[in-house]
């Protein structure tokens, strides 16, 4: 038997059906953490025998900017940690374009 929760599943269901985002629902219901939100989603889906989809919010796929410096031997080194944002691997080839204050690498 499922444990009792202090959150109202009817309110949760209403907010989901209105198309609210995850951060909006968490704020409206005073949910403090994501595991609690996820548990409520599971309880609601189990109770209704229905799948609910919720928007994650205003997060966008941002690319983290990394600062690298030209070394003593005029080399520019990109570490594996720097390259982890893409699907690059050792041995990949790139076309290099130099413009004013800009270097562009394009995978071949």
PDB file of N, CA and C in Angstrom:
ATOM      1  N   UNK A   1       0.845  -1.182   0.000  1.00  0.00           N
ATOM      2  CA  UNK A   1       0.000   0.000   0.000  1.00  0.00           C
ATOM      3  C   UNK A   1       0.888   1.242   0.000  1.00  0.00           C
ATOM      4  N   UNK A   2       0.502   2.228  -0.785  1.00  0.00           N
ATOM      5  CA  UNK A   2       1.298   3.452  -0.917  1.00  0.00           C
ATOM      6  C   UNK A   2       1.231   4.286   0.351  1.00  0.00           C
ATOM      7  N   UNK A   3       2.359   4.933   0.643  1.00  0.00           N
ATOM      8  CA  UNK A   3       2.410   5.788   1.829  1.00  0.00           C
ATOM      9  C   UNK A   3       1.623   7.062   1.594  1.00  0.00           C
ATOM     10  N   UNK A   4       1.099   7.614   2.649  1.00  0.00           N
ATOM     11  CA  UNK A   4       0.334   8.856   2.595  1.00  0.00           C
ATOM     12  C   UNK A   4       1.292  10.015   2.328  1.00  0.00           C
ATOM     13  N   UNK A   5       0.856  10.981   1.550  1.00  0.00           N
ATOM     14  CA  UNK A   5       1.690  12.137   1.231  1.00  0.00           C
ATOM     15  C   UNK A   5       0.981  13.408   1.655  1.00  0.00           C
ATOM     16  N   UNK A   6       1.755  14.438   1.950  1.00  0.00           N
ATOM     17  CA  UNK A   6       1.144  15.706   2.352  1.00  0.00           C
ATOM     18  C   UNK A   6       0.712  16.536   1.149  1.00  0.00           C
ATOM     19  N   UNK A   7       1.065  16.097  -0.048  1.00  0.00           N
ATOM     20  CA  UNK A   7       0.717  16.826  -1.267  1.00  0.00           C
ATOM     21  C   UNK A   7      -0.569  16.271  -1.859  1.00  0.00           C
ATOM     22  N   UNK A   8      -1.403  17.160  -2.360  1.00  0.00           N
ATOM     23  CA  UNK A   8      -2.697  16.785  -2.929  1.00  0.00           C
ATOM     24  C   UNK A   8      -2.521  16.354  -4.380  1.00  0.00           C
ATOM     25  N   UNK A   9      -2.861  15.110  -4.674  1.00  0.00           N
ATOM     26  CA  UNK A   9      -2.714  14.608  -6.034  1.00  0.00           C
ATOM     27  C   UNK A   9      -3.688  15.265  -7.005  1.00  0.00           C
ATOM     28  N   UNK A  10      -4.851  15.697  -6.526  1.00  0.00           N
ATOM     29  CA  UNK A  10      -5.805  16.378  -7.408  1.00  0.00           C
ATOM     30  C   UNK A  10      -5.242  17.713  -7.889  1.00  0.00           C
ATOM     31  N   UNK A  11      -4.605  18.463  -6.994  1.00  0.00           N
ATOM     32  CA  UNK A  11      -3.976  19.726  -7.379  1.00  0.00           C
ATOM     33  C   UNK A  11      -2.833  19.453  -8.347  1.00  0.00           C
ATOM     34  N   UNK A  12      -2.061  18.417  -8.061  1.00  0.00           N
ATOM     35  CA  UNK A  12      -0.950  18.027  -8.921  1.00  0.00           C
ATOM     36  C   UNK A  12      -1.452  17.680 -10.319  1.00  0.00           C
ATOM     37  N   UNK A  13      -2.532  16.913 -10.380  1.00  0.00           N
ATOM     38  CA  UNK A  13      -3.142  16.514 -11.654  1.00  0.00           C
ATOM     39  C   UNK A  13      -3.632  17.737 -12.429  1.00  0.00           C
ATOM     40  N   UNK A  14      -4.257  18.681 -11.725  1.00  0.00           N
ATOM     41  CA  UNK A  14      -4.776  19.897 -12.360  1.00  0.00           C
ATOM     42  C   UNK A  14      -3.642  20.726 -12.962  1.00  0.00           C
ATOM     43  N   UNK A  15      -2.568  20.904 -12.208  1.00  0.00           N
ATOM     44  CA  UNK A  15      -1.436  21.683 -12.699  1.00  0.00           C
ATOM     45  C   UNK A  15      -0.789  21.015 -13.919  1.00  0.00           C
ATOM     46  N   UNK A  16      -0.712  19.698 -13.898  1.00  0.00           N
ATOM     47  CA  UNK A  16      -0.172  18.976 -15.052  1.00  0.00           C
ATOM     48  C   UNK A  16      -1.058  19.144 -16.282  1.00  0.00           C
ATOM     49  N   UNK A  17      -2.355  19.033 -16.095  1.00  0.00           N
ATOM     50  CA  UNK A  17      -3.278  19.145 -17.229  1.00  0.00           C
ATOM     51  C   UNK A  17      -3.324  20.567 -17.787  1.00  0.00           C
ATOM     52  N   UNK A  18      -2.971  21.564 -16.971  1.00  0.00           N
ATOM     53  CA  UNK A  18      -2.903  22.945 -17.452  1.00  0.00           C
ATOM     54  C   UNK A  18      -1.638  23.212 -18.248  1.00  0.00           C
ATOM     55  N   UNK A  19      -0.727  22.251 -18.279  1.00  0.00           N
ATOM     56  CA  UNK A  19       0.500  22.400 -19.053  1.00  0.00           C
ATOM     57  C   UNK A  19       1.599  23.162 -18.327  1.00  0.00           C
ATOM     58  N   UNK A  20       1.522  23.206 -17.007  1.00  0.00           N
ATOM     59  CA  UNK A  20       2.545  23.902 -16.223  1.00  0.00           C
ATOM     60  C   UNK A  20       3.879  23.158 -16.327  1.00  0.00           C
ATOM     61  N   UNK A  21       4.971  23.896 -16.177  1.00  0.00           N
ATOM     62  CA  UNK A  21       6.295  23.287 -16.215  1.00  0.00           C
ATOM     63  C   UNK A  21       6.657  22.743 -14.842  1.00  0.00           C
ATOM     64  N   UNK A  22       7.685  21.909 -14.803  1.00  0.00           N
ATOM     65  CA  UNK A  22       8.121  21.293 -13.551  1.00  0.00           C
ATOM     66  C   UNK A  22       8.469  22.344 -12.496  1.00  0.00           C
ATOM     67  N   UNK A  23       9.258  23.397 -12.827  1.00  0.00           N
ATOM     68  CA  UNK A  23       9.552  24.409 -11.800  1.00  0.00           C
ATOM     69  C   UNK A  23       8.301  25.147 -11.314  1.00  0.00           C
ATOM     70  N   UNK A  24       7.349  25.391 -12.229  1.00  0.00           N
ATOM     71  CA  UNK A  24       6.104  26.066 -11.847  1.00  0.00           C
ATOM     72  C   UNK A  24       5.290  25.219 -10.870  1.00  0.00           C
ATOM     73  N   UNK A  25       5.196  23.925 -11.150  1.00  0.00           N
ATOM     74  CA  UNK A  25       4.437  23.026 -10.276  1.00  0.00           C
ATOM     75  C   UNK A  25       5.116  22.915  -8.920  1.00  0.00           C
ATOM     76  N   UNK A  26       6.437  22.793  -8.935  1.00  0.00           N
ATOM     77  CA  UNK A  26       7.173  22.682  -7.671  1.00  0.00           C
ATOM     78  C   UNK A  26       6.977  23.929  -6.811  1.00  0.00           C
ATOM     79  N   UNK A  27       6.953  25.087  -7.450  1.00  0.00           N
ATOM     80  CA  UNK A  27       6.745  26.329  -6.702  1.00  0.00           C
ATOM     81  C   UNK A  27       5.315  26.428  -6.188  1.00  0.00           C
ATOM     82  N   UNK A  28       4.351  26.102  -7.040  1.00  0.00           N
ATOM     83  CA  UNK A  28       2.945  26.220  -6.662  1.00  0.00           C
ATOM     84  C   UNK A  28       2.587  25.282  -5.505  1.00  0.00           C
ATOM     85  N   UNK A  29       3.187  24.106  -5.480  1.00  0.00           N
ATOM     86  CA  UNK A  29       2.854  23.130  -4.446  1.00  0.00           C
ATOM     87  C   UNK A  29       3.872  23.104  -3.310  1.00  0.00           C
ATOM     88  N   UNK A  30       4.846  23.992  -3.367  1.00  0.00           N
ATOM     89  CA  UNK A  30       5.899  24.087  -2.346  1.00  0.00           C
ATOM     90  C   UNK A  30       6.656  22.759  -2.197  1.00  0.00           C
ATOM     91  N   UNK A  31       7.012  22.186  -3.362  1.00  0.00           N
ATOM     92  CA  UNK A  31       7.812  20.959  -3.380  1.00  0.00           C
ATOM     93  C   UNK A  31       9.271  21.402  -3.386  1.00  0.00           C
ATOM     94  N   UNK A  32      10.029  20.900  -2.429  1.00  0.00           N
ATOM     95  CA  UNK A  32      11.398  21.380  -2.224  1.00  0.00           C
ATOM     96  C   UNK A  32      12.445  20.698  -3.102  1.00  0.00           C
ATOM     97  N   UNK A  33      12.232  19.441  -3.492  1.00  0.00           N
ATOM     98  CA  UNK A  33      13.276  18.760  -4.250  1.00  0.00           C
ATOM     99  C   UNK A  33      12.691  17.904  -5.369  1.00  0.00           C
ATOM    100  N   UNK A  34      13.541  17.555  -6.328  1.00  0.00           N
ATOM    101  CA  UNK A  34      13.109  16.820  -7.511  1.00  0.00           C
ATOM    102  C   UNK A  34      12.691  15.377  -7.220  1.00  0.00           C
ATOM    103  N   UNK A  35      13.363  14.663  -6.305  1.00  0.00           N
ATOM    104  CA  UNK A  35      12.881  13.302  -6.020  1.00  0.00           C
ATOM    105  C   UNK A  35      11.440  13.272  -5.495  1.00  0.00           C
ATOM    106  N   UNK A  36      11.067  14.258  -4.707  1.00  0.00           N
ATOM    107  CA  UNK A  36       9.685  14.330  -4.227  1.00  0.00           C
ATOM    108  C   UNK A  36       8.730  14.533  -5.388  1.00  0.00           C
ATOM    109  N   UNK A  37       9.088  15.419  -6.307  1.00  0.00           N
ATOM    110  CA  UNK A  37       8.278  15.654  -7.504  1.00  0.00           C
ATOM    111  C   UNK A  37       8.140  14.358  -8.307  1.00  0.00           C
ATOM    112  N   UNK A  38       9.254  13.670  -8.512  1.00  0.00           N
ATOM    113  CA  UNK A  38       9.229  12.429  -9.291  1.00  0.00           C
ATOM    114  C   UNK A  38       8.370  11.359  -8.614  1.00  0.00           C
ATOM    115  N   UNK A  39       8.434  11.272  -7.296  1.00  0.00           N
ATOM    116  CA  UNK A  39       7.597  10.311  -6.574  1.00  0.00           C
ATOM    117  C   UNK A  39       6.118  10.643  -6.723  1.00  0.00           C
ATOM    118  N   UNK A  40       5.783  11.932  -6.688  1.00  0.00           N
ATOM    119  CA  UNK A  40       4.384  12.324  -6.895  1.00  0.00           C
ATOM    120  C   UNK A  40       3.913  11.963  -8.300  1.00  0.00           C
ATOM    121  N   UNK A  41       4.805  12.152  -9.285  1.00  0.00           N
ATOM    122  CA  UNK A  41       4.452  11.772 -10.663  1.00  0.00           C
ATOM    123  C   UNK A  41       4.155  10.277 -10.736  1.00  0.00           C
ATOM    124  N   UNK A  42       5.002   9.485 -10.109  1.00  0.00           N
ATOM    125  CA  UNK A  42       4.783   8.036 -10.129  1.00  0.00           C
ATOM    126  C   UNK A  42       3.490   7.643  -9.425  1.00  0.00           C
ATOM    127  N   UNK A  43       3.193   8.272  -8.285  1.00  0.00           N
ATOM    128  CA  UNK A  43       1.951   7.981  -7.567  1.00  0.00           C
ATOM    129  C   UNK A  43       0.737   8.348  -8.405  1.00  0.00           C
ATOM    130  N   UNK A  44       0.807   9.505  -9.076  1.00  0.00           N
ATOM    131  CA  UNK A  44      -0.315   9.942  -9.899  1.00  0.00           C
ATOM    132  C   UNK A  44      -0.513   9.009 -11.093  1.00  0.00           C
ATOM    133  N   UNK A  45       0.571   8.626 -11.738  1.00  0.00           N
ATOM    134  CA  UNK A  45       0.458   7.727 -12.886  1.00  0.00           C
ATOM    135  C   UNK A  45      -0.056   6.353 -12.454  1.00  0.00           C
ATOM    136  N   UNK A  46       0.351   5.902 -11.274  1.00  0.00           N
ATOM    137  CA  UNK A  46      -0.135   4.628 -10.760  1.00  0.00           C
ATOM    138  C   UNK A  46      -1.617   4.709 -10.412  1.00  0.00           C
ATOM    139  N   UNK A  47      -2.026   5.828  -9.832  1.00  0.00           N
ATOM    140  CA  UNK A  47      -3.428   5.993  -9.448  1.00  0.00           C
ATOM    141  C   UNK A  47      -4.337   6.111 -10.666  1.00  0.00           C
ATOM    142  N   UNK A  48      -3.900   6.857 -11.679  1.00  0.00           N
ATOM    143  CA  UNK A  48      -4.731   7.102 -12.861  1.00  0.00           C
ATOM    144  C   UNK A  48      -4.537   6.061 -13.959  1.00  0.00           C
ATOM    145  N   UNK A  49      -3.487   5.238 -13.836  1.00  0.00           N
ATOM    146  CA  UNK A  49      -3.136   4.275 -14.884  1.00  0.00           C
ATOM    147  C   UNK A  49      -2.981   4.991 -16.218  1.00  0.00           C
ATOM    148  N   UNK A  50      -2.274   6.123 -16.172  1.00  0.00           N
ATOM    149  CA  UNK A  50      -2.102   6.991 -17.333  1.00  0.00           C
ATOM    150  C   UNK A  50      -0.723   7.625 -17.261  1.00  0.00           C
ATOM    151  N   UNK A  51      -0.114   7.848 -18.433  1.00  0.00           N
ATOM    152  CA  UNK A  51       1.188   8.503 -18.489  1.00  0.00           C
ATOM    153  C   UNK A  51       0.998  10.011 -18.583  1.00  0.00           C
ATOM    154  N   UNK A  52       1.732  10.759 -17.779  1.00  0.00           N
ATOM    155  CA  UNK A  52       1.712  12.219 -17.821  1.00  0.00           C
ATOM    156  C   UNK A  52       3.090  12.716 -18.249  1.00  0.00           C
ATOM    157  N   UNK A  53       3.084  13.684 -19.143  1.00  0.00           N
ATOM    158  CA  UNK A  53       4.337  14.304 -19.581  1.00  0.00           C
ATOM    159  C   UNK A  53       4.375  15.730 -19.042  1.00  0.00           C
ATOM    160  N   UNK A  54       5.506  16.100 -18.470  1.00  0.00           N
ATOM    161  CA  UNK A  54       5.647  17.443 -17.914  1.00  0.00           C
ATOM    162  C   UNK A  54       6.852  18.110 -18.560  1.00  0.00           C
ATOM    163  N   UNK A  55       6.712  19.389 -18.864  1.00  0.00           N
ATOM    164  CA  UNK A  55       7.819  20.159 -19.429  1.00  0.00           C
ATOM    165  C   UNK A  55       8.855  20.407 -18.341  1.00  0.00           C
ATOM    166  N   UNK A  56      10.135  20.317 -18.688  1.00  0.00           N
ATOM    167  CA  UNK A  56      11.199  20.529 -17.710  1.00  0.00           C
ATOM    168  C   UNK A  56      11.333  21.982 -17.299  1.00  0.00           C
ATOM    169  N   UNK A  57      10.908  22.887 -18.088  1.00  0.00           N
ATOM    170  CA  UNK A  57      11.019  24.292 -17.715  1.00  0.00           C
ATOM    171  C   UNK A  57      11.788  25.086 -18.743  1.00  0.00           C
ATOM    172  N   UNK A  58      12.360  26.139 -18.278  1.00  0.00           N
ATOM    173  CA  UNK A  58      13.007  27.081 -19.171  1.00  0.00           C
ATOM    174  C   UNK A  58      14.470  26.771 -19.407  1.00  0.00           C
ATOM    175  N   UNK A  59      14.906  25.582 -19.056  1.00  0.00           N
ATOM    176  CA  UNK A  59      16.300  25.236 -19.289  1.00  0.00           C
ATOM    177  C   UNK A  59      16.517  25.035 -20.775  1.00  0.00           C
ATOM    178  N   UNK A  60      17.596  25.546 -21.265  1.00  0.00           N
ATOM    179  CA  UNK A  60      17.923  25.384 -22.670  1.00  0.00           C
ATOM    180  C   UNK A  60      19.264  24.700 -22.777  1.00  0.00           C
ATOM    181  N   UNK A  61      19.511  24.159 -23.924  1.00  0.00           N
ATOM    182  CA  UNK A  61      20.783  23.481 -24.146  1.00  0.00           C
ATOM    183  C   UNK A  61      21.863  24.534 -24.341  1.00  0.00           C
ATOM    184  N   UNK A  62      22.496  24.900 -23.264  1.00  0.00           N
ATOM    185  CA  UNK A  62      23.552  25.894 -23.356  1.00  0.00           C
ATOM    186  C   UNK A  62      24.892  25.189 -23.439  1.00  0.00           C
ATOM    187  N   UNK A  63      25.774  25.778 -24.197  1.00  0.00           N
ATOM    188  CA  UNK A  63      27.105  25.242 -24.333  1.00  0.00           C
ATOM    189  C   UNK A  63      27.998  25.978 -23.354  1.00  0.00           C
ATOM    190  N   UNK A  64      28.663  25.214 -22.527  1.00  0.00           N
ATOM    191  CA  UNK A  64      29.543  25.814 -21.539  1.00  0.00           C
ATOM    192  C   UNK A  64      30.770  26.368 -22.241  1.00  0.00           C
ATOM    193  N   UNK A  65      31.076  27.622 -21.976  1.00  0.00           N
ATOM    194  CA  UNK A  65      32.251  28.233 -22.577  1.00  0.00           C
ATOM    195  C   UNK A  65      33.482  27.858 -21.774  1.00  0.00           C
ATOM    196  N   UNK A  66      34.531  27.533 -22.485  1.00  0.00           N
ATOM    197  CA  UNK A  66      35.782  27.146 -21.864  1.00  0.00           C
ATOM    198  C   UNK A  66      36.874  28.091 -22.350  1.00  0.00           C
ATOM    199  N   UNK A  67      37.735  28.484 -21.460  1.00  0.00           N
ATOM    200  CA  UNK A  67      38.845  29.346 -21.835  1.00  0.00           C
ATOM    201  C   UNK A  67      40.098  28.491 -21.950  1.00  0.00           C
ATOM    202  N   UNK A  68      40.727  28.541 -23.108  1.00  0.00           N
ATOM    203  CA  UNK A  68      42.004  27.864 -23.317  1.00  0.00           C
ATOM    204  C   UNK A  68      43.008  28.909 -23.774  1.00  0.00           C
ATOM    205  N   UNK A  69      44.275  28.679 -23.490  1.00  0.00           N
ATOM    206  CA  UNK A  69      45.326  29.629 -23.834  1.00  0.00           C
ATOM    207  C   UNK A  69      46.294  29.014 -24.830  1.00  0.00           C
ATOM    208  N   UNK A  70      46.885  29.860 -25.629  1.00  0.00           N
ATOM    209  CA  UNK A  70      47.931  29.414 -26.533  1.00  0.00           C
ATOM    210  C   UNK A  70      49.188  29.197 -25.697  1.00  0.00           C
ATOM    211  N   UNK A  71      49.782  28.018 -25.838  1.00  0.00           N
ATOM    212  CA  UNK A  71      50.930  27.635 -25.023  1.00  0.00           C
ATOM    213  C   UNK A  71      52.225  28.280 -25.458  1.00  0.00           C
ATOM    214  N   UNK A  72      53.308  27.941 -24.755  1.00  0.00           N
ATOM    215  CA  UNK A  72      54.635  28.516 -25.003  1.00  0.00           C
ATOM    216  C   UNK A  72      55.146  28.194 -26.402  1.00  0.00           C
ATOM    217  N   UNK A  73      54.762  27.067 -26.926  1.00  0.00           N
ATOM    218  CA  UNK A  73      55.229  26.662 -28.258  1.00  0.00           C
ATOM    219  C   UNK A  73      54.195  26.987 -29.338  1.00  0.00           C
ATOM    220  N   UNK A  74      53.373  27.995 -29.075  1.00  0.00           N
ATOM    221  CA  UNK A  74      52.323  28.434 -30.008  1.00  0.00           C
ATOM    222  C   UNK A  74      51.338  27.316 -30.336  1.00  0.00           C
ATOM    223  N   UNK A  75      50.997  26.524 -29.329  1.00  0.00           N
ATOM    224  CA  UNK A  75      50.028  25.448 -29.524  1.00  0.00           C
ATOM    225  C   UNK A  75      48.756  25.746 -28.737  1.00  0.00           C
ATOM    226  N   UNK A  76      47.677  25.295 -29.271  1.00  0.00           N
ATOM    227  CA  UNK A  76      46.377  25.418 -28.618  1.00  0.00           C
ATOM    228  C   UNK A  76      45.925  23.997 -28.293  1.00  0.00           C
ATOM    229  N   UNK A  77      45.747  23.678 -27.023  1.00  0.00           N
ATOM    230  CA  UNK A  77      45.413  22.322 -26.599  1.00  0.00           C
ATOM    231  C   UNK A  77      44.000  22.287 -26.046  1.00  0.00           C
ATOM    232  N   UNK A  78      43.213  21.359 -26.578  1.00  0.00           N
ATOM    233  CA  UNK A  78      41.862  21.114 -26.077  1.00  0.00           C
ATOM    234  C   UNK A  78      41.876  19.743 -25.410  1.00  0.00           C
ATOM    235  N   UNK A  79      41.642  19.695 -24.129  1.00  0.00           N
ATOM    236  CA  UNK A  79      41.692  18.430 -23.393  1.00  0.00           C
ATOM    237  C   UNK A  79      40.426  17.612 -23.645  1.00  0.00           C
ATOM    238  N   UNK A  80      40.476  16.370 -23.204  1.00  0.00           N
ATOM    239  CA  UNK A  80      39.311  15.493 -23.326  1.00  0.00           C
ATOM    240  C   UNK A  80      38.129  16.080 -22.560  1.00  0.00           C
ATOM    241  N   UNK A  81      38.414  16.723 -21.438  1.00  0.00           N
ATOM    242  CA  UNK A  81      37.358  17.358 -20.653  1.00  0.00           C
ATOM    243  C   UNK A  81      36.702  18.480 -21.459  1.00  0.00           C
ATOM    244  N   UNK A  82      37.510  19.263 -22.187  1.00  0.00           N
ATOM    245  CA  UNK A  82      36.962  20.322 -23.035  1.00  0.00           C
ATOM    246  C   UNK A  82      36.115  19.758 -24.167  1.00  0.00           C
ATOM    247  N   UNK A  83      36.521  18.630 -24.692  1.00  0.00           N
ATOM    248  CA  UNK A  83      35.849  18.061 -25.854  1.00  0.00           C
ATOM    249  C   UNK A  83      34.643  17.199 -25.486  1.00  0.00           C
ATOM    250  N   UNK A  84      34.416  16.966 -24.211  1.00  0.00           N
ATOM    251  CA  UNK A  84      33.338  16.075 -23.789  1.00  0.00           C
ATOM    252  C   UNK A  84      31.951  16.616 -24.138  1.00  0.00           C
ATOM    253  N   UNK A  85      31.845  17.919 -24.411  1.00  0.00           N
ATOM    254  CA  UNK A  85      30.543  18.488 -24.770  1.00  0.00           C
ATOM    255  C   UNK A  85      30.080  17.989 -26.133  1.00  0.00           C
ATOM    256  N   UNK A  86      31.002  17.623 -27.000  1.00  0.00           N
ATOM    257  CA  UNK A  86      30.654  17.114 -28.318  1.00  0.00           C
ATOM    258  C   UNK A  86      30.875  15.621 -28.384  1.00  0.00           C
ATOM    259  N   UNK A  87      30.675  15.068 -29.551  1.00  0.00           N
ATOM    260  CA  UNK A  87      30.893  13.625 -29.727  1.00  0.00           C
ATOM    261  C   UNK A  87      32.226  13.390 -30.422  1.00  0.00           C
ATOM    262  N   UNK A  88      33.228  14.165 -30.045  1.00  0.00           N
ATOM    263  CA  UNK A  88      34.543  14.067 -30.665  1.00  0.00           C
ATOM    264  C   UNK A  88      35.376  12.999 -29.976  1.00  0.00           C
ATOM    265  N   UNK A  89      36.297  12.428 -30.740  1.00  0.00           N
ATOM    266  CA  UNK A  89      37.181  11.404 -30.185  1.00  0.00           C
ATOM    267  C   UNK A  89      38.572  11.583 -30.782  1.00  0.00           C
ATOM    268  N   UNK A  90      39.579  10.985 -30.179  1.00  0.00           N
ATOM    269  CA  UNK A  90      40.932  11.120 -30.712  1.00  0.00           C
ATOM    270  C   UNK A  90      41.006  10.664 -32.164  1.00  0.00           C
ATOM    271  N   UNK A  91      41.703  11.424 -32.971  1.00  0.00           N
ATOM    272  CA  UNK A  91      41.869  11.085 -34.382  1.00  0.00           C
ATOM    273  C   UNK A  91      40.896  11.809 -35.296  1.00  0.00           C
ATOM    274  N   UNK A  92      39.896  12.511 -34.767  1.00  0.00           N
ATOM    275  CA  UNK A  92      38.964  13.258 -35.614  1.00  0.00           C
ATOM    276  C   UNK A  92      39.705  14.404 -36.301  1.00  0.00           C
ATOM    277  N   UNK A  93      39.321  14.690 -37.537  1.00  0.00           N
ATOM    278  CA  UNK A  93      39.954  15.757 -38.314  1.00  0.00           C
ATOM    279  C   UNK A  93      39.028  16.975 -38.361  1.00  0.00           C
ATOM    280  N   UNK A  94      39.639  18.145 -38.431  1.00  0.00           N
ATOM    281  CA  UNK A  94      38.886  19.396 -38.445  1.00  0.00           C
ATOM    282  C   UNK A  94      39.425  20.324 -39.519  1.00  0.00           C
ATOM    283  N   UNK A  95      38.544  21.146 -40.068  1.00  0.00           N
ATOM    284  CA  UNK A  95      38.933  22.251 -40.930  1.00  0.00           C
ATOM    285  C   UNK A  95      39.039  23.468 -40.026  1.00  0.00           C
ATOM    286  N   UNK A  96      40.151  24.199 -40.122  1.00  0.00           N
ATOM    287  CA  UNK A  96      40.400  25.351 -39.263  1.00  0.00           C
ATOM    288  C   UNK A  96      40.277  26.612 -40.095  1.00  0.00           C
ATOM    289  N   UNK A  97      39.444  27.563 -39.608  1.00  0.00           N
ATOM    290  CA  UNK A  97      39.284  28.857 -40.280  1.00  0.00           C
ATOM    291  C   UNK A  97      39.688  29.953 -39.301  1.00  0.00           C
ATOM    292  N   UNK A  98      40.511  30.859 -39.772  1.00  0.00           N
ATOM    293  CA  UNK A  98      40.958  31.982 -38.964  1.00  0.00           C
ATOM    294  C   UNK A  98      40.322  33.257 -39.501  1.00  0.00           C
ATOM    295  N   UNK A  99      39.655  33.991 -38.637  1.00  0.00           N
ATOM    296  CA  UNK A  99      39.137  35.306 -38.962  1.00  0.00           C
ATOM    297  C   UNK A  99      39.592  36.246 -37.859  1.00  0.00           C
ATOM    298  N   UNK A 100      39.223  37.488 -37.956  1.00  0.00           N
ATOM    299  CA  UNK A 100      39.636  38.467 -36.964  1.00  0.00           C
ATOM    300  C   UNK A 100      39.154  38.031 -35.584  1.00  0.00           C
ATOM    301  N   UNK A 101      40.088  37.772 -34.672  1.00  0.00           N
ATOM    302  CA  UNK A 101      39.817  37.384 -33.269  1.00  0.00           C
ATOM    303  C   UNK A 101      38.956  36.142 -33.133  1.00  0.00           C
ATOM    304  N   UNK A 102      39.025  35.244 -34.131  1.00  0.00           N
ATOM    305  CA  UNK A 102      38.171  34.064 -34.052  1.00  0.00           C
ATOM    306  C   UNK A 102      38.841  32.885 -34.756  1.00  0.00           C
ATOM    307  N   UNK A 103      38.761  31.719 -34.127  1.00  0.00           N
ATOM    308  CA  UNK A 103      39.216  30.470 -34.733  1.00  0.00           C
ATOM    309  C   UNK A 103      38.004  29.537 -34.753  1.00  0.00           C
ATOM    310  N   UNK A 104      37.698  28.996 -35.929  1.00  0.00           N
ATOM    311  CA  UNK A 104      36.555  28.109 -36.056  1.00  0.00           C
ATOM    312  C   UNK A 104      37.035  26.724 -36.460  1.00  0.00           C
ATOM    313  N   UNK A 105      36.633  25.721 -35.705  1.00  0.00           N
ATOM    314  CA  UNK A 105      36.942  24.330 -36.018  1.00  0.00           C
ATOM    315  C   UNK A 105      35.668  23.659 -36.501  1.00  0.00           C
ATOM    316  N   UNK A 106      35.735  23.024 -37.654  1.00  0.00           N
ATOM    317  CA  UNK A 106      34.591  22.302 -38.194  1.00  0.00           C
ATOM    318  C   UNK A 106      34.999  20.865 -38.457  1.00  0.00           C
ATOM    319  N   UNK A 107      34.284  19.930 -37.884  1.00  0.00           N
ATOM    320  CA  UNK A 107      34.620  18.509 -38.082  1.00  0.00           C
ATOM    321  C   UNK A 107      34.458  18.117 -39.536  1.00  0.00           C
ATOM    322  N   UNK A 108      35.410  17.316 -40.015  1.00  0.00           N
ATOM    323  CA  UNK A 108      35.386  16.861 -41.418  1.00  0.00           C
ATOM    324  C   UNK A 108      34.600  15.582 -41.500  1.00  0.00           C
TER     325      UNK A 108
END
